[in-house]
N, C-alpha and C. Protein backbone atom coordinates (compact mmCIF):
# COMPACT_ATOMS: atom_id res chain seq x y z
N UNK A 1 -24.30 8.78 8.40
CA UNK A 1 -23.71 7.43 7.01
C UNK A 1 -22.07 7.75 7.38
N UNK A 2 -21.12 8.78 7.98
CA UNK A 2 -19.94 8.53 8.64
C UNK A 2 -19.53 7.76 8.96
N UNK A 3 -20.22 7.55 10.36
CA UNK A 3 -20.81 6.40 11.38
C UNK A 3 -20.89 4.98 11.36
N UNK A 4 -21.72 4.85 10.27
CA UNK A 4 -21.72 3.04 9.45
C UNK A 4 -20.63 2.99 8.97
N UNK A 5 -20.23 3.98 8.77
CA UNK A 5 -19.09 3.48 7.49
C UNK A 5 -17.95 3.27 8.50
N UNK A 6 -17.77 3.94 9.31
CA UNK A 6 -16.85 3.73 10.12
C UNK A 6 -16.55 2.26 10.69
N UNK A 7 -17.90 2.05 11.30
CA UNK A 7 -18.79 1.10 12.01
C UNK A 7 -17.93 -0.47 11.25
N UNK A 8 -18.37 -0.01 9.87
CA UNK A 8 -18.31 -1.46 8.84
C UNK A 8 -16.44 -1.16 8.77
N UNK A 9 -15.91 -0.44 8.54
CA UNK A 9 -14.51 -0.87 8.86
C UNK A 9 -13.70 -1.94 9.75
N UNK A 10 -14.37 -0.98 11.00
CA UNK A 10 -13.95 -1.63 12.46
C UNK A 10 -14.43 -3.05 12.06
N UNK A 11 -15.73 -3.29 11.68
CA UNK A 11 -15.45 -4.60 12.14
C UNK A 11 -15.29 -5.56 11.23
N UNK A 12 -14.72 -5.07 9.72
CA UNK A 12 -13.94 -5.95 8.50
C UNK A 12 -12.45 -6.14 9.40
N UNK A 13 -12.25 -5.43 9.73
CA UNK A 13 -10.85 -5.12 10.33
C UNK A 13 -10.47 -5.89 11.55
N UNK A 14 -11.77 -6.30 12.09
CA UNK A 14 -11.72 -6.76 14.02
C UNK A 14 -11.57 -8.60 13.44
N UNK A 15 -12.12 -8.65 11.94
CA UNK A 15 -12.57 -10.24 11.90
C UNK A 15 -11.54 -10.37 11.03
N UNK A 16 -10.45 -9.67 10.79
CA UNK A 16 -9.78 -9.68 9.64
C UNK A 16 -8.56 -10.42 10.86
N UNK A 17 -8.14 -9.68 12.08
CA UNK A 17 -7.65 -9.81 13.29
C UNK A 17 -8.09 -10.83 13.71
N UNK A 18 -9.01 -11.22 14.03
CA UNK A 18 -9.36 -12.68 14.42
C UNK A 18 -9.22 -13.69 13.77
N UNK A 19 -9.11 -13.50 12.49
CA UNK A 19 -9.00 -14.58 11.95
C UNK A 19 -7.46 -15.35 11.52
N UNK A 20 -6.68 -13.92 11.90
CA UNK A 20 -5.14 -14.32 12.18
C UNK A 20 -4.79 -14.65 12.50
N UNK A 21 -5.31 -14.64 14.14
CA UNK A 21 -4.79 -14.95 15.12
C UNK A 21 -5.02 -16.69 15.08
N UNK A 22 -6.33 -17.08 14.80
CA UNK A 22 -7.04 -18.26 14.88
C UNK A 22 -6.28 -19.29 13.59
N UNK A 23 -5.69 -18.02 12.74
CA UNK A 23 -4.72 -19.53 11.84
C UNK A 23 -3.29 -19.59 12.67
N UNK A 24 -2.78 -18.70 13.37
CA UNK A 24 -1.22 -18.53 13.69
C UNK A 24 -1.44 -20.08 15.06
N UNK A 25 -2.95 -20.30 15.58
CA UNK A 25 -3.11 -21.28 16.07
C UNK A 25 -3.73 -22.22 15.81
N UNK A 26 -3.81 -22.21 14.34
CA UNK A 26 -4.36 -23.42 13.70
C UNK A 26 -3.60 -24.37 13.54
N UNK A 27 -4.06 -26.08 13.95
CA UNK A 27 -3.17 -27.10 13.88
C UNK A 27 -2.12 -27.46 13.04
N UNK A 28 -2.48 -26.39 12.03
CA UNK A 28 -1.57 -26.62 10.32
C UNK A 28 -0.12 -25.78 10.72
N UNK A 29 -0.31 -24.91 11.26
CA UNK A 29 1.03 -24.09 12.06
C UNK A 29 1.33 -24.43 12.59
N UNK A 30 1.16 -25.03 13.88
CA UNK A 30 1.09 -25.45 14.98
C UNK A 30 2.25 -26.77 14.41
N UNK A 31 1.73 -27.68 13.42
CA UNK A 31 2.50 -28.32 13.02
C UNK A 31 3.65 -28.20 12.32
N UNK A 32 3.52 -27.12 11.84
CA UNK A 32 4.52 -26.80 10.46
C UNK A 32 5.25 -26.45 11.49
N UNK A 33 5.51 -25.12 12.45
CA UNK A 33 6.27 -24.94 13.55
C UNK A 33 7.27 -26.55 13.89
N UNK A 34 6.54 -27.51 14.63
CA UNK A 34 7.15 -28.17 14.98
C UNK A 34 7.96 -29.12 13.88
N UNK A 35 7.25 -29.29 12.69
CA UNK A 35 8.30 -29.72 11.69
C UNK A 35 9.85 -29.04 11.43
N UNK A 36 9.41 -27.62 11.16
CA UNK A 36 10.86 -27.04 11.10
C UNK A 36 11.45 -27.40 12.16
N UNK A 37 11.28 -27.58 13.59
CA UNK A 37 11.86 -27.86 14.58
C UNK A 37 12.65 -29.14 14.55
N UNK A 38 11.99 -30.08 13.95
CA UNK A 38 12.67 -31.39 13.83
C UNK A 38 13.60 -31.44 12.59
N UNK A 39 13.50 -30.64 11.57
CA UNK A 39 14.03 -30.73 10.56
C UNK A 39 15.43 -29.11 11.22
N UNK A 40 15.66 -28.93 12.34
CA UNK A 40 16.76 -28.77 12.62
C UNK A 40 16.93 -26.88 12.02
N UNK A 41 15.73 -26.33 11.59
CA UNK A 41 15.43 -24.88 10.87
C UNK A 41 16.36 -25.54 9.43
N UNK A 42 16.88 -26.47 9.23
CA UNK A 42 17.65 -25.94 7.55
C UNK A 42 16.62 -25.38 6.64
N UNK A 43 17.26 -24.91 6.15
CA UNK A 43 16.61 -24.39 4.45
C UNK A 43 15.46 -25.45 4.01
N UNK A 44 16.26 -26.85 3.61
CA UNK A 44 15.44 -27.49 2.59
C UNK A 44 14.73 -28.01 3.58
N UNK A 45 15.08 -28.33 5.08
CA UNK A 45 13.76 -28.71 5.75
C UNK A 45 12.69 -27.77 6.30
N UNK A 46 12.89 -26.52 6.01
CA UNK A 46 11.46 -25.43 6.47
C UNK A 46 10.80 -25.41 4.63
N UNK A 47 11.48 -25.34 3.77
CA UNK A 47 10.54 -25.63 2.48
C UNK A 47 10.00 -26.94 2.49
N UNK A 48 10.53 -28.28 3.05
CA UNK A 48 9.39 -28.93 3.19
C UNK A 48 8.54 -28.92 3.54
N UNK A 49 8.37 -28.50 5.27
CA UNK A 49 7.56 -28.50 6.07
C UNK A 49 6.43 -27.54 5.54
N UNK A 50 7.03 -26.33 5.05
CA UNK A 50 6.06 -25.24 4.22
C UNK A 50 4.97 -25.53 2.80
N UNK A 51 5.98 -26.80 2.32
CA UNK A 51 5.26 -27.61 1.35
C UNK A 51 3.95 -28.45 2.32
N UNK A 52 4.43 -28.97 3.16
CA UNK A 52 3.28 -30.44 3.65
C UNK A 52 2.29 -29.25 3.92
N UNK A 53 2.65 -28.20 4.76
CA UNK A 53 1.41 -27.27 5.31
C UNK A 53 0.71 -26.77 4.19
N UNK A 54 1.33 -26.60 3.25
CA UNK A 54 0.89 -25.58 2.24
C UNK A 54 -0.41 -27.11 1.23
N UNK A 55 -0.14 -28.12 1.26
CA UNK A 55 -1.05 -29.35 0.74
C UNK A 55 -2.55 -29.66 2.29
N UNK A 56 -1.89 -29.11 3.21
CA UNK A 56 -2.85 -29.16 4.32
C UNK A 56 -3.62 -28.05 4.04
N UNK A 57 -3.29 -26.70 3.98
CA UNK A 57 -4.40 -25.65 4.22
C UNK A 57 -5.53 -25.81 2.72
N UNK A 58 -4.82 -26.31 1.35
CA UNK A 58 -5.39 -26.61 0.21
C UNK A 58 -6.57 -27.61 0.79
N UNK A 59 -6.38 -28.71 1.56
CA UNK A 59 -7.55 -29.65 1.61
C UNK A 59 -8.41 -28.57 2.54
N UNK A 60 -7.96 -27.92 2.96
CA UNK A 60 -8.91 -26.74 4.32
C UNK A 60 -10.03 -25.55 3.21
N UNK A 61 -9.37 -25.27 2.24
CA UNK A 61 -10.11 -24.54 0.87
C UNK A 61 -10.95 -25.65 0.58
N UNK A 62 -10.40 -27.08 0.23
CA UNK A 62 -11.59 -27.92 0.02
C UNK A 62 -12.92 -28.64 0.72
N UNK A 63 -12.67 -28.15 2.29
CA UNK A 63 -13.35 -28.77 3.56
C UNK A 63 -14.41 -27.32 3.31
N UNK A 64 -13.69 -26.24 3.39
CA UNK A 64 -14.45 -24.65 3.57
C UNK A 64 -15.68 -24.85 2.34
N UNK A 65 -14.99 -25.31 0.83
CA UNK A 65 -15.90 -25.18 -0.16
C UNK A 65 -17.29 -25.93 0.09
N UNK A 66 -16.95 -27.46 0.54
CA UNK A 66 -17.97 -27.98 0.34
C UNK A 66 -18.94 -27.71 1.68
N UNK A 67 -18.66 -27.61 2.87
CA UNK A 67 -19.39 -26.44 3.72
C UNK A 67 -20.33 -25.53 3.40
N UNK A 68 -19.82 -24.59 2.17
CA UNK A 68 -20.74 -23.42 1.77
C UNK A 68 -21.28 -24.04 1.05
N UNK A 69 -20.70 -25.20 0.20
CA UNK A 69 -22.00 -25.64 -0.56
C UNK A 69 -23.38 -26.65 0.02
N UNK A 70 -22.93 -26.81 0.95
CA UNK A 70 -24.12 -28.06 1.90
C UNK A 70 -25.27 -26.47 1.99
N UNK A 71 -24.64 -25.24 2.79
CA UNK A 71 -25.31 -24.34 3.23
C UNK A 71 -25.94 -23.56 2.29
N UNK A 72 -25.29 -23.59 1.36
CA UNK A 72 -25.63 -22.40 0.08
C UNK A 72 -26.63 -22.66 -1.03
N UNK A 73 -27.95 -21.85 -1.16
CA UNK A 73 -28.30 -22.17 -2.34
C UNK A 73 -27.69 -22.25 -3.87
N UNK A 74 -28.34 -23.23 -4.70
CA UNK A 74 -27.24 -23.18 -5.41
C UNK A 74 -26.77 -21.95 -6.53
N UNK A 75 -27.56 -20.85 -7.01
CA UNK A 75 -27.14 -20.14 -7.53
C UNK A 75 -26.05 -18.84 -6.26
N UNK A 76 -26.02 -18.98 -5.34
CA UNK A 76 -24.69 -18.49 -4.27
C UNK A 76 -23.91 -19.13 -4.36
N UNK A 77 -24.04 -20.52 -4.33
CA UNK A 77 -22.63 -21.60 -4.33
C UNK A 77 -21.90 -21.92 -5.67
N UNK A 78 -22.84 -21.37 -6.95
CA UNK A 78 -22.26 -20.82 -7.97
C UNK A 78 -20.99 -19.67 -8.27
N UNK A 79 -21.95 -19.07 -7.38
CA UNK A 79 -21.08 -17.86 -7.79
C UNK A 79 -19.62 -18.43 -6.66
N UNK A 80 -19.56 -18.84 -5.89
CA UNK A 80 -18.12 -19.05 -4.63
C UNK A 80 -17.49 -20.36 -5.60
N UNK A 81 -18.10 -21.18 -6.73
CA UNK A 81 -16.89 -21.58 -7.07
C UNK A 81 -16.56 -21.43 -8.55
N UNK A 82 -17.58 -20.10 -8.81
CA UNK A 82 -16.51 -19.98 -10.16
C UNK A 82 -15.63 -19.15 -9.29
N UNK A 83 -15.83 -18.17 -8.26
CA UNK A 83 -14.68 -17.26 -7.53
C UNK A 83 -13.62 -18.23 -7.56
N UNK A 84 -13.82 -19.46 -6.95
CA UNK A 84 -13.01 -20.86 -6.48
C UNK A 84 -11.71 -20.98 -7.72
N UNK A 85 -13.00 -20.96 -8.88
CA UNK A 85 -11.61 -21.42 -10.22
C UNK A 85 -10.75 -20.44 -10.53
N UNK A 86 -11.43 -18.88 -10.08
CA UNK A 86 -10.80 -17.91 -10.82
C UNK A 86 -9.45 -17.96 -9.21
N UNK A 87 -9.45 -18.03 -8.40
CA UNK A 87 -8.70 -17.77 -7.70
C UNK A 87 -7.71 -18.79 -7.96
N UNK A 88 -7.78 -20.22 -8.55
CA UNK A 88 -6.98 -21.25 -8.34
C UNK A 88 -6.00 -20.26 -9.52
N UNK A 89 -6.34 -20.30 -10.37
CA UNK A 89 -5.89 -19.36 -11.53
C UNK A 89 -4.84 -18.26 -10.91
N UNK A 90 -5.33 -17.21 -10.09
CA UNK A 90 -4.46 -16.41 -9.45
C UNK A 90 -3.53 -17.45 -8.78
N UNK A 91 -3.51 -18.53 -7.77
CA UNK A 91 -2.62 -18.93 -6.92
C UNK A 91 -1.55 -19.47 -7.98
N UNK A 92 -2.18 -20.19 -9.18
CA UNK A 92 -1.12 -20.52 -9.52
C UNK A 92 0.22 -19.68 -10.13
N UNK A 93 -0.53 -18.51 -11.00
CA UNK A 93 -0.09 -17.63 -11.36
C UNK A 93 1.27 -16.86 -10.49
N UNK A 94 0.04 -16.88 -9.03
CA UNK A 94 1.30 -15.79 -7.75
C UNK A 94 2.38 -17.03 -7.45
N UNK A 95 2.00 -18.16 -7.24
CA UNK A 95 3.45 -19.18 -7.28
C UNK A 95 4.16 -19.34 -8.18
N UNK A 96 3.64 -19.41 -9.28
CA UNK A 96 5.00 -19.34 -10.27
C UNK A 96 5.88 -17.92 -10.70
N UNK A 97 5.44 -17.14 -10.23
CA UNK A 97 5.84 -15.92 -9.98
C UNK A 97 6.63 -15.69 -9.15
N UNK A 98 6.35 -16.09 -7.91
CA UNK A 98 7.47 -15.93 -6.22
C UNK A 98 8.28 -16.99 -6.83
N UNK A 99 7.84 -17.99 -6.47
CA UNK A 99 9.04 -18.85 -7.32
C UNK A 99 10.32 -18.78 -8.04
N UNK A 100 9.57 -18.44 -9.29
CA UNK A 100 10.72 -17.73 -10.45
C UNK A 100 11.56 -16.46 -10.04
N UNK A 101 10.77 -15.49 -9.25
CA UNK A 101 11.74 -14.28 -8.75
C UNK A 101 12.91 -14.77 -7.97
N UNK A 102 12.07 -15.35 -6.89
CA UNK A 102 12.52 -15.37 -5.25
C UNK A 102 13.81 -16.88 -5.82
N UNK A 103 13.17 -17.68 -6.52
CA UNK A 103 14.38 -18.82 -6.34
C UNK A 103 15.91 -18.69 -7.14
N UNK A 104 15.68 -17.47 -7.73
CA UNK A 104 16.53 -17.19 -8.55
C UNK A 104 17.44 -15.94 -8.17
N UNK A 105 17.33 -15.77 -6.78
CA UNK A 105 18.12 -14.70 -5.97
C UNK A 105 19.29 -15.63 -5.56
N UNK A 106 19.92 -14.97 -5.56
CA UNK A 106 21.42 -15.57 -4.65
C UNK A 106 21.27 -16.02 -3.54
N UNK A 107 21.88 -16.92 -3.02
CA UNK A 107 21.34 -17.63 -1.35
C UNK A 107 20.20 -18.19 -1.29
N UNK A 108 20.06 -19.71 -0.52
CA UNK A 108 18.89 -20.35 -0.40
C UNK A 108 18.37 -19.83 0.50
N UNK A 109 18.16 -18.50 1.29
CA UNK A 109 17.27 -18.04 2.01
C UNK A 109 16.24 -17.98 0.91
N UNK A 110 16.60 -17.03 0.41
CA UNK A 110 14.92 -16.70 -0.67
C UNK A 110 13.96 -17.59 -1.44
N UNK A 111 14.84 -19.18 -1.18
CA UNK A 111 13.88 -20.30 -1.01
C UNK A 111 12.94 -20.17 -0.27
N UNK A 112 12.88 -19.68 0.60
CA UNK A 112 12.14 -20.13 2.15
C UNK A 112 11.09 -18.92 1.92
N UNK A 113 11.59 -17.40 1.38
CA UNK A 113 11.17 -16.37 1.14
C UNK A 113 9.88 -16.82 0.16
N UNK A 114 10.24 -17.62 -0.83
CA UNK A 114 9.11 -17.88 -1.88
C UNK A 114 7.97 -18.37 -1.12
N UNK A 115 8.49 -19.93 -0.49
CA UNK A 115 7.41 -20.72 0.20
C UNK A 115 6.77 -20.07 0.98
N UNK A 116 7.08 -19.19 1.44
CA UNK A 116 6.80 -18.28 2.74
C UNK A 116 5.29 -17.55 2.22
N UNK A 117 5.92 -16.47 0.99
CA UNK A 117 4.82 -16.05 0.29
C UNK A 117 3.66 -16.79 -0.27
N UNK A 118 4.15 -18.57 -0.92
CA UNK A 118 3.06 -18.75 -1.58
C UNK A 118 2.07 -19.41 -0.50
N UNK A 119 2.28 -19.32 0.44
CA UNK A 119 1.82 -19.76 1.92
C UNK A 119 0.67 -18.85 2.54
N UNK A 120 1.15 -17.63 2.40
CA UNK A 120 0.20 -16.41 2.56
C UNK A 120 -0.80 -16.29 1.33
N UNK A 121 -0.43 -16.88 -0.06
CA UNK A 121 -1.26 -16.98 -0.73
C UNK A 121 -2.57 -17.69 0.03
N UNK A 122 -2.12 -19.46 -0.27
CA UNK A 122 -3.13 -19.97 0.25
C UNK A 122 -3.82 -19.39 1.63
N UNK A 123 -3.18 -19.50 2.39
CA UNK A 123 -3.32 -19.14 3.80
C UNK A 123 -4.46 -18.31 3.75
N UNK A 124 -4.54 -17.03 3.14
CA UNK A 124 -5.23 -15.84 2.43
C UNK A 124 -6.57 -16.17 2.07
N UNK A 125 -6.78 -17.03 1.42
CA UNK A 125 -7.69 -17.68 0.60
C UNK A 125 -8.77 -18.32 1.88
N UNK A 126 -7.82 -19.25 2.60
CA UNK A 126 -9.11 -19.94 3.79
C UNK A 126 -9.44 -19.19 4.72
N UNK A 127 -8.72 -17.80 4.87
CA UNK A 127 -9.14 -17.06 5.66
C UNK A 127 -10.61 -16.20 5.23
N UNK A 128 -10.56 -15.98 3.82
CA UNK A 128 -11.80 -15.57 2.98
C UNK A 128 -12.77 -16.93 3.17
N UNK A 129 -12.74 -17.75 3.10
CA UNK A 129 -13.30 -19.02 2.83
C UNK A 129 -13.82 -19.22 4.15
N UNK A 130 -13.39 -18.84 4.98
CA UNK A 130 -13.65 -19.14 6.76
C UNK A 130 -14.85 -18.26 6.91
N UNK A 131 -14.63 -17.13 6.68
CA UNK A 131 -15.11 -15.82 6.80
C UNK A 131 -16.67 -16.13 6.79
N UNK A 132 -16.27 -16.28 4.86
CA UNK A 132 -17.79 -16.95 4.05
C UNK A 132 -18.60 -17.62 4.97
N UNK A 133 -18.03 -18.63 4.74
CA UNK A 133 -18.76 -19.33 6.08
C UNK A 133 -19.09 -19.79 7.51
N UNK A 134 -18.46 -18.60 7.82
CA UNK A 134 -18.99 -18.07 9.32
C UNK A 134 -20.17 -17.11 9.19
N UNK A 135 -19.93 -16.33 8.42
CA UNK A 135 -21.28 -15.58 7.92
C UNK A 135 -22.48 -16.17 7.86
N UNK A 136 -22.44 -16.59 6.62
CA UNK A 136 -23.44 -17.58 5.57
C UNK A 136 -23.89 -18.32 7.04
N UNK A 137 -23.22 -19.08 7.37
CA UNK A 137 -23.85 -20.22 8.64
C UNK A 137 -24.89 -19.58 9.24
N UNK A 138 -24.43 -18.26 10.10
CA UNK A 138 -25.29 -17.47 11.05
C UNK A 138 -26.32 -17.09 10.27
N UNK A 139 -25.95 -16.69 8.80
CA UNK A 139 -27.70 -16.14 8.64
C UNK A 139 -28.22 -17.25 8.08
N UNK A 140 -27.97 -18.24 7.82
CA UNK A 140 -28.50 -19.74 7.60
C UNK A 140 -29.19 -20.14 8.56
N UNK A 141 -28.73 -20.00 10.09
CA UNK A 141 -29.37 -20.69 11.08
C UNK A 141 -30.02 -19.84 11.69
N UNK A 142 -29.94 -18.42 11.84
CA UNK A 142 -30.89 -17.18 12.29
C UNK A 142 -32.63 -17.07 11.15
N UNK A 143 -32.18 -17.64 9.66
CA UNK A 143 -33.21 -18.03 8.85
C UNK A 143 -34.00 -19.15 9.59
N UNK A 144 -33.08 -20.31 9.93
CA UNK A 144 -34.41 -21.83 10.00
C UNK A 144 -34.50 -21.14 11.13
N UNK A 145 -34.07 -20.53 12.49
CA UNK A 145 -34.62 -19.48 13.57
C UNK A 145 -36.02 -19.09 13.47
N UNK A 146 -36.31 -18.15 12.44
CA UNK A 146 -37.18 -17.43 12.22
C UNK A 146 -38.55 -18.71 11.40
N UNK A 147 -38.07 -19.58 10.49
CA UNK A 147 -38.51 -20.34 10.25
C UNK A 147 -39.54 -21.52 11.34
N UNK A 148 -38.86 -21.85 11.73
CA UNK A 148 -39.28 -22.59 12.85
C UNK A 148 -40.55 -22.01 14.30
N UNK A 149 -39.69 -20.56 14.01
CA UNK A 149 -40.36 -20.10 14.66
C UNK A 149 -42.39 -19.13 14.24
N UNK A 150 -42.24 -20.05 12.56
CA UNK A 150 -43.32 -19.42 12.00
C UNK A 150 -43.21 -17.56 11.67
N UNK A 151 -41.68 -16.82 12.03
CA UNK A 151 -41.94 -15.85 11.72
C UNK A 151 -41.39 -15.25 10.23
N UNK A 152 -41.43 -14.20 9.73
CA UNK A 152 -41.79 -13.51 8.70
C UNK A 152 -40.78 -12.82 8.32
N UNK A 153 -39.61 -12.81 7.05
CA UNK A 153 -38.50 -12.15 7.19
C UNK A 153 -38.05 -11.86 6.11
N UNK A 154 -38.07 -10.70 4.68
CA UNK A 154 -37.49 -10.47 3.50
C UNK A 154 -36.18 -11.00 3.70
N UNK A 155 -35.71 -11.30 4.37
CA UNK A 155 -34.04 -11.42 4.03
C UNK A 155 -34.22 -13.36 3.77
N UNK A 156 -34.86 -13.75 4.60
CA UNK A 156 -34.85 -15.25 4.80
C UNK A 156 -35.37 -16.09 3.56
N UNK A 157 -34.67 -16.68 2.55
CA UNK A 157 -35.45 -17.36 1.25
C UNK A 157 -36.26 -18.10 1.66
């Protein structure tokens, strides 16, 4: 039993690392870095670039929610949709808190910290949705293959 738990923990940890590196190399983050360079890394310029990236990440969330809707049964997608609406409440509260706390500290660099914290909230959600999609898509594809070969599985709907 301990071996199974250890393997599971390592699997989850390795997936987190893999997605972190995927997002680091994601076109949204690459464009954000280019934007910051064009803005000469000024505080206001960097904040503007992160705001643009955040808008792109929010669109990425919408994209993954749509992709999940296409492959999940309605009852499972309803759970995802409920989770997403609750995440949105969390995201708004977190953005409000980080903005209020960090923006009121002395020095303009704290605005960059706040924007970075806000971006982290959204990027984490993208990672979660990517993981849900990749895992469910693999399961879905496997079930299609099983059905195509007229095989039986207790796990496939």
